[in-house]
PDB file of all heavy atoms in Angstrom:
ATOM      1  N   PRO A   1       0.573  15.683 -23.820  1.00  0.00           N
ATOM      2  CA  PRO A   1       0.833  15.546 -22.382  1.00  0.00           C
ATOM      3  C   PRO A   1      -0.404  15.267 -21.539  1.00  0.00           C
ATOM      4  O   PRO A   1      -0.301  14.641 -20.471  1.00  0.00           O
ATOM      5  CB  PRO A   1       1.448  16.905 -22.005  1.00  0.00           C
ATOM      6  CG  PRO A   1       2.041  17.417 -23.263  1.00  0.00           C
ATOM      7  CD  PRO A   1       1.110  16.962 -24.350  1.00  0.00           C
ATOM      8  N   ASP A   2      -1.584  15.706 -21.975  1.00  0.00           N
ATOM      9  CA  ASP A   2      -2.799  15.535 -21.180  1.00  0.00           C
ATOM     10  C   ASP A   2      -3.592  14.292 -21.561  1.00  0.00           C
ATOM     11  O   ASP A   2      -4.708  14.092 -21.089  1.00  0.00           O
ATOM     12  CB  ASP A   2      -3.690  16.771 -21.307  1.00  0.00           C
ATOM     13  CG  ASP A   2      -4.200  16.988 -22.730  1.00  0.00           C
ATOM     14  OD1 ASP A   2      -3.644  16.373 -23.669  1.00  0.00           O
ATOM     15  OD2 ASP A   2      -5.144  17.782 -22.904  1.00  0.00           O
ATOM     16  N   MET A   3      -3.036  13.437 -22.382  1.00  0.00           N
ATOM     17  CA  MET A   3      -3.757  12.270 -22.896  1.00  0.00           C
ATOM     18  C   MET A   3      -3.741  11.122 -21.887  1.00  0.00           C
ATOM     19  O   MET A   3      -2.675  10.687 -21.451  1.00  0.00           O
ATOM     20  CB  MET A   3      -3.110  11.803 -24.202  1.00  0.00           C
ATOM     21  CG  MET A   3      -3.752  10.561 -24.815  1.00  0.00           C
ATOM     22  SD  MET A   3      -2.945  10.165 -26.377  1.00  0.00           S
ATOM     23  CE  MET A   3      -3.525  11.513 -27.405  1.00  0.00           C
ATOM     24  N   PRO A   4      -4.913  10.596 -21.502  1.00  0.00           N
ATOM     25  CA  PRO A   4      -4.924   9.457 -20.585  1.00  0.00           C
ATOM     26  C   PRO A   4      -4.632   8.130 -21.309  1.00  0.00           C
ATOM     27  O   PRO A   4      -5.060   7.919 -22.444  1.00  0.00           O
ATOM     28  CB  PRO A   4      -6.352   9.467 -20.031  1.00  0.00           C
ATOM     29  CG  PRO A   4      -6.915  10.815 -20.373  1.00  0.00           C
ATOM     30  CD  PRO A   4      -6.255  11.185 -21.674  1.00  0.00           C
ATOM     31  N   PHE A   5      -3.909   7.270 -20.615  1.00  0.00           N
ATOM     32  CA  PHE A   5      -3.603   5.912 -21.059  1.00  0.00           C
ATOM     33  C   PHE A   5      -4.171   4.950 -20.018  1.00  0.00           C
ATOM     34  O   PHE A   5      -3.970   5.152 -18.816  1.00  0.00           O
ATOM     35  CB  PHE A   5      -2.089   5.666 -21.100  1.00  0.00           C
ATOM     36  CG  PHE A   5      -1.340   6.317 -22.219  1.00  0.00           C
ATOM     37  CD1 PHE A   5      -1.311   7.699 -22.371  1.00  0.00           C
ATOM     38  CD2 PHE A   5      -0.600   5.547 -23.112  1.00  0.00           C
ATOM     39  CE1 PHE A   5      -0.589   8.303 -23.391  1.00  0.00           C
ATOM     40  CE2 PHE A   5       0.130   6.136 -24.132  1.00  0.00           C
ATOM     41  CZ  PHE A   5       0.132   7.510 -24.273  1.00  0.00           C
ATOM     42  N   TRP A   6      -4.845   3.879 -20.462  1.00  0.00           N
ATOM     43  CA  TRP A   6      -5.188   2.824 -19.502  1.00  0.00           C
ATOM     44  C   TRP A   6      -3.887   2.155 -19.085  1.00  0.00           C
ATOM     45  O   TRP A   6      -3.103   1.716 -19.933  1.00  0.00           O
ATOM     46  CB  TRP A   6      -6.145   1.807 -20.114  1.00  0.00           C
ATOM     47  CG  TRP A   6      -6.583   0.794 -19.094  1.00  0.00           C
ATOM     48  CD1 TRP A   6      -7.488   0.978 -18.088  1.00  0.00           C
ATOM     49  CD2 TRP A   6      -6.112  -0.552 -18.952  1.00  0.00           C
ATOM     50  NE1 TRP A   6      -7.610  -0.167 -17.331  1.00  0.00           N
ATOM     51  CE2 TRP A   6      -6.774  -1.109 -17.837  1.00  0.00           C
ATOM     52  CE3 TRP A   6      -5.184  -1.331 -19.646  1.00  0.00           C
ATOM     53  CZ2 TRP A   6      -6.554  -2.420 -17.412  1.00  0.00           C
ATOM     54  CZ3 TRP A   6      -4.956  -2.637 -19.235  1.00  0.00           C
ATOM     55  CH2 TRP A   6      -5.643  -3.170 -18.132  1.00  0.00           C
ATOM     56  N   SER A   7      -3.656   2.081 -17.782  1.00  0.00           N
ATOM     57  CA  SER A   7      -2.333   1.698 -17.283  1.00  0.00           C
ATOM     58  C   SER A   7      -2.356   0.560 -16.278  1.00  0.00           C
ATOM     59  O   SER A   7      -1.471   0.443 -15.430  1.00  0.00           O
ATOM     60  CB  SER A   7      -1.654   2.932 -16.663  1.00  0.00           C
ATOM     61  OG  SER A   7      -1.487   3.945 -17.632  1.00  0.00           O
ATOM     62  N   ALA A   8      -3.364  -0.315 -16.380  1.00  0.00           N
ATOM     63  CA  ALA A   8      -3.436  -1.536 -15.581  1.00  0.00           C
ATOM     64  C   ALA A   8      -3.144  -1.233 -14.104  1.00  0.00           C
ATOM     65  O   ALA A   8      -3.639  -0.251 -13.552  1.00  0.00           O
ATOM     66  CB  ALA A   8      -2.513  -2.605 -16.163  1.00  0.00           C
ATOM     67  N   SER A   9      -2.330  -2.072 -13.455  1.00  0.00           N
ATOM     68  CA  SER A   9      -2.182  -2.004 -12.001  1.00  0.00           C
ATOM     69  C   SER A   9      -1.434  -0.788 -11.487  1.00  0.00           C
ATOM     70  O   SER A   9      -1.355  -0.590 -10.273  1.00  0.00           O
ATOM     71  CB  SER A   9      -1.508  -3.277 -11.481  1.00  0.00           C
ATOM     72  OG  SER A   9      -2.384  -4.372 -11.577  1.00  0.00           O
ATOM     73  N   THR A  10      -0.910   0.042 -12.375  1.00  0.00           N
ATOM     74  CA  THR A  10      -0.419   1.339 -11.917  1.00  0.00           C
ATOM     75  C   THR A  10      -1.544   2.059 -11.183  1.00  0.00           C
ATOM     76  O   THR A  10      -1.306   2.839 -10.252  1.00  0.00           O
ATOM     77  CB  THR A  10       0.078   2.176 -13.109  1.00  0.00           C
ATOM     78  OG1 THR A  10       1.057   1.420 -13.826  1.00  0.00           O
ATOM     79  CG2 THR A  10       0.702   3.481 -12.652  1.00  0.00           C
ATOM     80  N   GLY A  11      -2.780   1.759 -11.570  1.00  0.00           N
ATOM     81  CA  GLY A  11      -3.949   2.344 -10.917  1.00  0.00           C
ATOM     82  C   GLY A  11      -4.124   1.940  -9.467  1.00  0.00           C
ATOM     83  O   GLY A  11      -4.811   2.633  -8.707  1.00  0.00           O
ATOM     84  N   LYS A  12      -3.533   0.823  -9.039  1.00  0.00           N
ATOM     85  CA  LYS A  12      -3.658   0.416  -7.634  1.00  0.00           C
ATOM     86  C   LYS A  12      -3.047   1.456  -6.701  1.00  0.00           C
ATOM     87  O   LYS A  12      -3.516   1.640  -5.568  1.00  0.00           O
ATOM     88  CB  LYS A  12      -3.008  -0.949  -7.409  1.00  0.00           C
ATOM     89  CG  LYS A  12      -3.783  -2.126  -7.982  1.00  0.00           C
ATOM     90  CD  LYS A  12      -3.124  -3.451  -7.606  1.00  0.00           C
ATOM     91  CE  LYS A  12      -3.978  -4.644  -8.034  1.00  0.00           C
ATOM     92  NZ  LYS A  12      -4.041  -4.819  -9.484  1.00  0.00           N
ATOM     93  N   GLY A  13      -1.993   2.131  -7.153  1.00  0.00           N
ATOM     94  CA  GLY A  13      -1.418   3.189  -6.330  1.00  0.00           C
ATOM     95  C   GLY A  13      -2.375   4.350  -6.156  1.00  0.00           C
ATOM     96  O   GLY A  13      -2.398   5.005  -5.103  1.00  0.00           O
ATOM     97  N   VAL A  14      -3.192   4.602  -7.180  1.00  0.00           N
ATOM     98  CA  VAL A  14      -4.205   5.656  -7.099  1.00  0.00           C
ATOM     99  C   VAL A  14      -5.308   5.235  -6.134  1.00  0.00           C
ATOM    100  O   VAL A  14      -5.768   6.021  -5.293  1.00  0.00           O
ATOM    101  CB  VAL A  14      -4.773   5.962  -8.498  1.00  0.00           C
ATOM    102  CG1 VAL A  14      -5.805   7.077  -8.433  1.00  0.00           C
ATOM    103  CG2 VAL A  14      -3.648   6.315  -9.471  1.00  0.00           C
ATOM    104  N   THR A  15      -5.733   3.978  -6.224  1.00  0.00           N
ATOM    105  CA  THR A  15      -6.747   3.435  -5.316  1.00  0.00           C
ATOM    106  C   THR A  15      -6.290   3.564  -3.868  1.00  0.00           C
ATOM    107  O   THR A  15      -7.048   4.002  -2.994  1.00  0.00           O
ATOM    108  CB  THR A  15      -7.016   1.960  -5.661  1.00  0.00           C
ATOM    109  OG1 THR A  15      -7.400   1.862  -7.036  1.00  0.00           O
ATOM    110  CG2 THR A  15      -8.097   1.369  -4.789  1.00  0.00           C
ATOM    111  N   SER A  16      -5.051   3.196  -3.606  1.00  0.00           N
ATOM    112  CA  SER A  16      -4.509   3.279  -2.252  1.00  0.00           C
ATOM    113  C   SER A  16      -4.464   4.720  -1.770  1.00  0.00           C
ATOM    114  O   SER A  16      -4.771   5.011  -0.604  1.00  0.00           O
ATOM    115  CB  SER A  16      -3.104   2.671  -2.211  1.00  0.00           C
ATOM    116  OG  SER A  16      -3.140   1.308  -2.582  1.00  0.00           O
ATOM    117  N   THR A  17      -4.105   5.622  -2.663  1.00  0.00           N
ATOM    118  CA  THR A  17      -4.036   7.037  -2.287  1.00  0.00           C
ATOM    119  C   THR A  17      -5.401   7.555  -1.857  1.00  0.00           C
ATOM    120  O   THR A  17      -5.514   8.301  -0.870  1.00  0.00           O
ATOM    121  CB  THR A  17      -3.480   7.865  -3.452  1.00  0.00           C
ATOM    122  OG1 THR A  17      -2.143   7.430  -3.732  1.00  0.00           O
ATOM    123  CG2 THR A  17      -3.469   9.346  -3.127  1.00  0.00           C
ATOM    124  N   VAL A  18      -6.456   7.187  -2.582  1.00  0.00           N
ATOM    125  CA  VAL A  18      -7.806   7.579  -2.179  1.00  0.00           C
ATOM    126  C   VAL A  18      -8.095   7.101  -0.763  1.00  0.00           C
ATOM    127  O   VAL A  18      -8.632   7.858   0.074  1.00  0.00           O
ATOM    128  CB  VAL A  18      -8.854   7.036  -3.173  1.00  0.00           C
ATOM    129  CG1 VAL A  18     -10.270   7.268  -2.645  1.00  0.00           C
ATOM    130  CG2 VAL A  18      -8.690   7.677  -4.538  1.00  0.00           C
ATOM    131  N   ALA A  19      -7.735   5.846  -0.469  1.00  0.00           N
ATOM    132  CA  ALA A  19      -7.969   5.311   0.879  1.00  0.00           C
ATOM    133  C   ALA A  19      -7.217   6.122   1.925  1.00  0.00           C
ATOM    134  O   ALA A  19      -7.764   6.448   2.994  1.00  0.00           O
ATOM    135  CB  ALA A  19      -7.558   3.844   0.930  1.00  0.00           C
ATOM    136  N   HIS A  20      -5.969   6.482   1.644  1.00  0.00           N
ATOM    137  CA  HIS A  20      -5.186   7.235   2.625  1.00  0.00           C
ATOM    138  C   HIS A  20      -5.765   8.618   2.883  1.00  0.00           C
ATOM    139  O   HIS A  20      -5.744   9.113   4.018  1.00  0.00           O
ATOM    140  CB  HIS A  20      -3.738   7.352   2.150  1.00  0.00           C
ATOM    141  CG  HIS A  20      -3.025   6.047   2.053  1.00  0.00           C
ATOM    142  ND1 HIS A  20      -3.100   5.093   3.043  1.00  0.00           N
ATOM    143  CD2 HIS A  20      -2.222   5.530   1.079  1.00  0.00           C
ATOM    144  CE1 HIS A  20      -2.373   4.042   2.690  1.00  0.00           C
ATOM    145  NE2 HIS A  20      -1.848   4.282   1.505  1.00  0.00           N
ATOM    146  N   VAL A  21      -6.270   9.249   1.849  1.00  0.00           N
ATOM    147  CA  VAL A  21      -6.894  10.560   2.023  1.00  0.00           C
ATOM    148  C   VAL A  21      -8.104  10.452   2.949  1.00  0.00           C
ATOM    149  O   VAL A  21      -8.341  11.321   3.803  1.00  0.00           O
ATOM    150  CB  VAL A  21      -7.271  11.158   0.656  1.00  0.00           C
ATOM    151  CG1 VAL A  21      -8.157  12.384   0.811  1.00  0.00           C
ATOM    152  CG2 VAL A  21      -6.012  11.522  -0.131  1.00  0.00           C
ATOM    153  N   LEU A  22      -8.871   9.363   2.825  1.00  0.00           N
ATOM    154  CA  LEU A  22     -10.037   9.183   3.683  1.00  0.00           C
ATOM    155  C   LEU A  22      -9.631   8.828   5.107  1.00  0.00           C
ATOM    156  O   LEU A  22     -10.304   9.245   6.068  1.00  0.00           O
ATOM    157  CB  LEU A  22     -10.956   8.110   3.092  1.00  0.00           C
ATOM    158  CG  LEU A  22     -11.569   8.448   1.728  1.00  0.00           C
ATOM    159  CD1 LEU A  22     -12.538   7.355   1.305  1.00  0.00           C
ATOM    160  CD2 LEU A  22     -12.264   9.804   1.732  1.00  0.00           C
ATOM    161  N   VAL A  23      -8.547   8.069   5.270  1.00  0.00           N
ATOM    162  CA  VAL A  23      -8.031   7.820   6.624  1.00  0.00           C
ATOM    163  C   VAL A  23      -7.590   9.139   7.257  1.00  0.00           C
ATOM    164  O   VAL A  23      -7.858   9.412   8.431  1.00  0.00           O
ATOM    165  CB  VAL A  23      -6.870   6.810   6.592  1.00  0.00           C
ATOM    166  CG1 VAL A  23      -6.208   6.697   7.970  1.00  0.00           C
ATOM    167  CG2 VAL A  23      -7.358   5.426   6.152  1.00  0.00           C
ATOM    168  N   GLU A  24      -6.929   9.960   6.455  1.00  0.00           N
ATOM    169  CA  GLU A  24      -6.488  11.275   6.936  1.00  0.00           C
ATOM    170  C   GLU A  24      -7.691  12.105   7.426  1.00  0.00           C
ATOM    171  O   GLU A  24      -7.576  12.851   8.405  1.00  0.00           O
ATOM    172  CB  GLU A  24      -5.756  12.006   5.805  1.00  0.00           C
ATOM    173  CG  GLU A  24      -5.135  13.322   6.198  1.00  0.00           C
ATOM    174  CD  GLU A  24      -3.717  13.180   6.727  1.00  0.00           C
ATOM    175  OE1 GLU A  24      -3.243  12.049   6.960  1.00  0.00           O
ATOM    176  OE2 GLU A  24      -3.085  14.217   6.926  1.00  0.00           O
ATOM    177  N   ARG A  25      -8.823  11.950   6.777  1.00  0.00           N
ATOM    178  CA  ARG A  25     -10.035  12.689   7.146  1.00  0.00           C
ATOM    179  C   ARG A  25     -10.789  12.035   8.301  1.00  0.00           C
ATOM    180  O   ARG A  25     -11.760  12.601   8.803  1.00  0.00           O
ATOM    181  CB  ARG A  25     -10.971  12.793   5.945  1.00  0.00           C
ATOM    182  CG  ARG A  25     -10.523  13.810   4.899  1.00  0.00           C
ATOM    183  CD  ARG A  25     -11.517  13.881   3.748  1.00  0.00           C
ATOM    184  NE  ARG A  25     -12.907  13.910   4.220  1.00  0.00           N
ATOM    185  CZ  ARG A  25     -13.967  13.634   3.475  1.00  0.00           C
ATOM    186  NH1 ARG A  25     -13.797  13.283   2.197  1.00  0.00           N
ATOM    187  NH2 ARG A  25     -15.178  13.684   3.964  1.00  0.00           N
ATOM    188  N   GLY A  26     -10.373  10.814   8.690  1.00  0.00           N
ATOM    189  CA  GLY A  26     -10.988  10.149   9.829  1.00  0.00           C
ATOM    190  C   GLY A  26     -12.195   9.304   9.513  1.00  0.00           C
ATOM    191  O   GLY A  26     -12.935   8.913  10.430  1.00  0.00           O
ATOM    192  N   LEU A  27     -12.417   8.968   8.236  1.00  0.00           N
ATOM    193  CA  LEU A  27     -13.589   8.161   7.898  1.00  0.00           C
ATOM    194  C   LEU A  27     -13.441   6.702   8.314  1.00  0.00           C
ATOM    195  O   LEU A  27     -14.437   6.016   8.551  1.00  0.00           O
ATOM    196  CB  LEU A  27     -13.886   8.253   6.390  1.00  0.00           C
ATOM    197  CG  LEU A  27     -14.810   9.416   5.998  1.00  0.00           C
ATOM    198  CD1 LEU A  27     -14.106  10.755   6.148  1.00  0.00           C
ATOM    199  CD2 LEU A  27     -15.335   9.234   4.585  1.00  0.00           C
ATOM    200  N   PHE A  28     -12.229   6.207   8.370  1.00  0.00           N
ATOM    201  CA  PHE A  28     -11.932   4.873   8.897  1.00  0.00           C
ATOM    202  C   PHE A  28     -10.441   4.831   9.189  1.00  0.00           C
ATOM    203  O   PHE A  28      -9.702   5.765   8.852  1.00  0.00           O
ATOM    204  CB  PHE A  28     -12.337   3.750   7.922  1.00  0.00           C
ATOM    205  CG  PHE A  28     -11.840   3.924   6.513  1.00  0.00           C
ATOM    206  CD1 PHE A  28     -10.560   3.527   6.147  1.00  0.00           C
ATOM    207  CD2 PHE A  28     -12.661   4.471   5.524  1.00  0.00           C
ATOM    208  CE1 PHE A  28     -10.104   3.682   4.851  1.00  0.00           C
ATOM    209  CE2 PHE A  28     -12.213   4.629   4.217  1.00  0.00           C
ATOM    210  CZ  PHE A  28     -10.930   4.235   3.877  1.00  0.00           C
ATOM    211  N   GLY A  29     -10.008   3.751   9.827  1.00  0.00           N
ATOM    212  CA  GLY A  29      -8.599   3.592  10.143  1.00  0.00           C
ATOM    213  C   GLY A  29      -8.036   2.362   9.472  1.00  0.00           C
ATOM    214  O   GLY A  29      -8.779   1.532   8.930  1.00  0.00           O
ATOM    215  N   TYR A  30      -6.736   2.199   9.513  1.00  0.00           N
ATOM    216  CA  TYR A  30      -6.118   1.035   8.887  1.00  0.00           C
ATOM    217  C   TYR A  30      -6.495  -0.256   9.595  1.00  0.00           C
ATOM    218  O   TYR A  30      -6.530  -1.319   8.968  1.00  0.00           O
ATOM    219  CB  TYR A  30      -4.598   1.202   8.843  1.00  0.00           C
ATOM    220  CG  TYR A  30      -4.166   2.397   8.027  1.00  0.00           C
ATOM    221  CD1 TYR A  30      -3.401   3.415   8.597  1.00  0.00           C
ATOM    222  CD2 TYR A  30      -4.547   2.535   6.696  1.00  0.00           C
ATOM    223  CE1 TYR A  30      -3.023   4.523   7.868  1.00  0.00           C
ATOM    224  CE2 TYR A  30      -4.180   3.637   5.947  1.00  0.00           C
ATOM    225  CZ  TYR A  30      -3.414   4.637   6.540  1.00  0.00           C
ATOM    226  OH  TYR A  30      -3.053   5.738   5.805  1.00  0.00           O
ATOM    227  N   ASP A  31      -6.787  -0.174  10.889  1.00  0.00           N
ATOM    228  CA  ASP A  31      -7.143  -1.383  11.631  1.00  0.00           C
ATOM    229  C   ASP A  31      -8.647  -1.531  11.819  1.00  0.00           C
ATOM    230  O   ASP A  31      -9.105  -2.371  12.593  1.00  0.00           O
ATOM    231  CB  ASP A  31      -6.410  -1.389  12.976  1.00  0.00           C
ATOM    232  CG  ASP A  31      -4.901  -1.491  12.783  1.00  0.00           C
ATOM    233  OD1 ASP A  31      -4.475  -2.322  11.960  1.00  0.00           O
ATOM    234  OD2 ASP A  31      -4.162  -0.727  13.432  1.00  0.00           O
ATOM    235  N   THR A  32      -9.420  -0.739  11.086  1.00  0.00           N
ATOM    236  CA  THR A  32     -10.876  -0.921  11.064  1.00  0.00           C
ATOM    237  C   THR A  32     -11.208  -2.238  10.366  1.00  0.00           C
ATOM    238  O   THR A  32     -10.738  -2.482   9.243  1.00  0.00           O
ATOM    239  CB  THR A  32     -11.552   0.232  10.297  1.00  0.00           C
ATOM    240  OG1 THR A  32     -11.261   1.460  10.953  1.00  0.00           O
ATOM    241  CG2 THR A  32     -13.051   0.023  10.217  1.00  0.00           C
ATOM    242  N   PRO A  33     -11.968  -3.127  11.005  1.00  0.00           N
ATOM    243  CA  PRO A  33     -12.395  -4.340  10.294  1.00  0.00           C
ATOM    244  C   PRO A  33     -13.212  -3.973   9.048  1.00  0.00           C
ATOM    245  O   PRO A  33     -14.077  -3.100   9.106  1.00  0.00           O
ATOM    246  CB  PRO A  33     -13.260  -5.071  11.331  1.00  0.00           C
ATOM    247  CG  PRO A  33     -12.796  -4.549  12.662  1.00  0.00           C
ATOM    248  CD  PRO A  33     -12.443  -3.104  12.397  1.00  0.00           C
ATOM    249  N   ILE A  34     -12.910  -4.629   7.949  1.00  0.00           N
ATOM    250  CA  ILE A  34     -13.648  -4.364   6.715  1.00  0.00           C
ATOM    251  C   ILE A  34     -15.141  -4.601   6.933  1.00  0.00           C
ATOM    252  O   ILE A  34     -15.988  -3.839   6.461  1.00  0.00           O
ATOM    253  CB  ILE A  34     -13.111  -5.235   5.568  1.00  0.00           C
ATOM    254  CG1 ILE A  34     -11.643  -4.895   5.283  1.00  0.00           C
ATOM    255  CG2 ILE A  34     -13.956  -5.059   4.310  1.00  0.00           C
ATOM    256  CD1 ILE A  34     -10.958  -5.858   4.333  1.00  0.00           C
TER     257      ILE A  34
END
């Protein structure tokens, strides 16, 4: 059960989640220019 699998673009959801956590903390907003 604890074994990691490389899972291709399923990881994009994880990437997005990291961004949302930082938006929640106020580090940037969705409409912040890159």
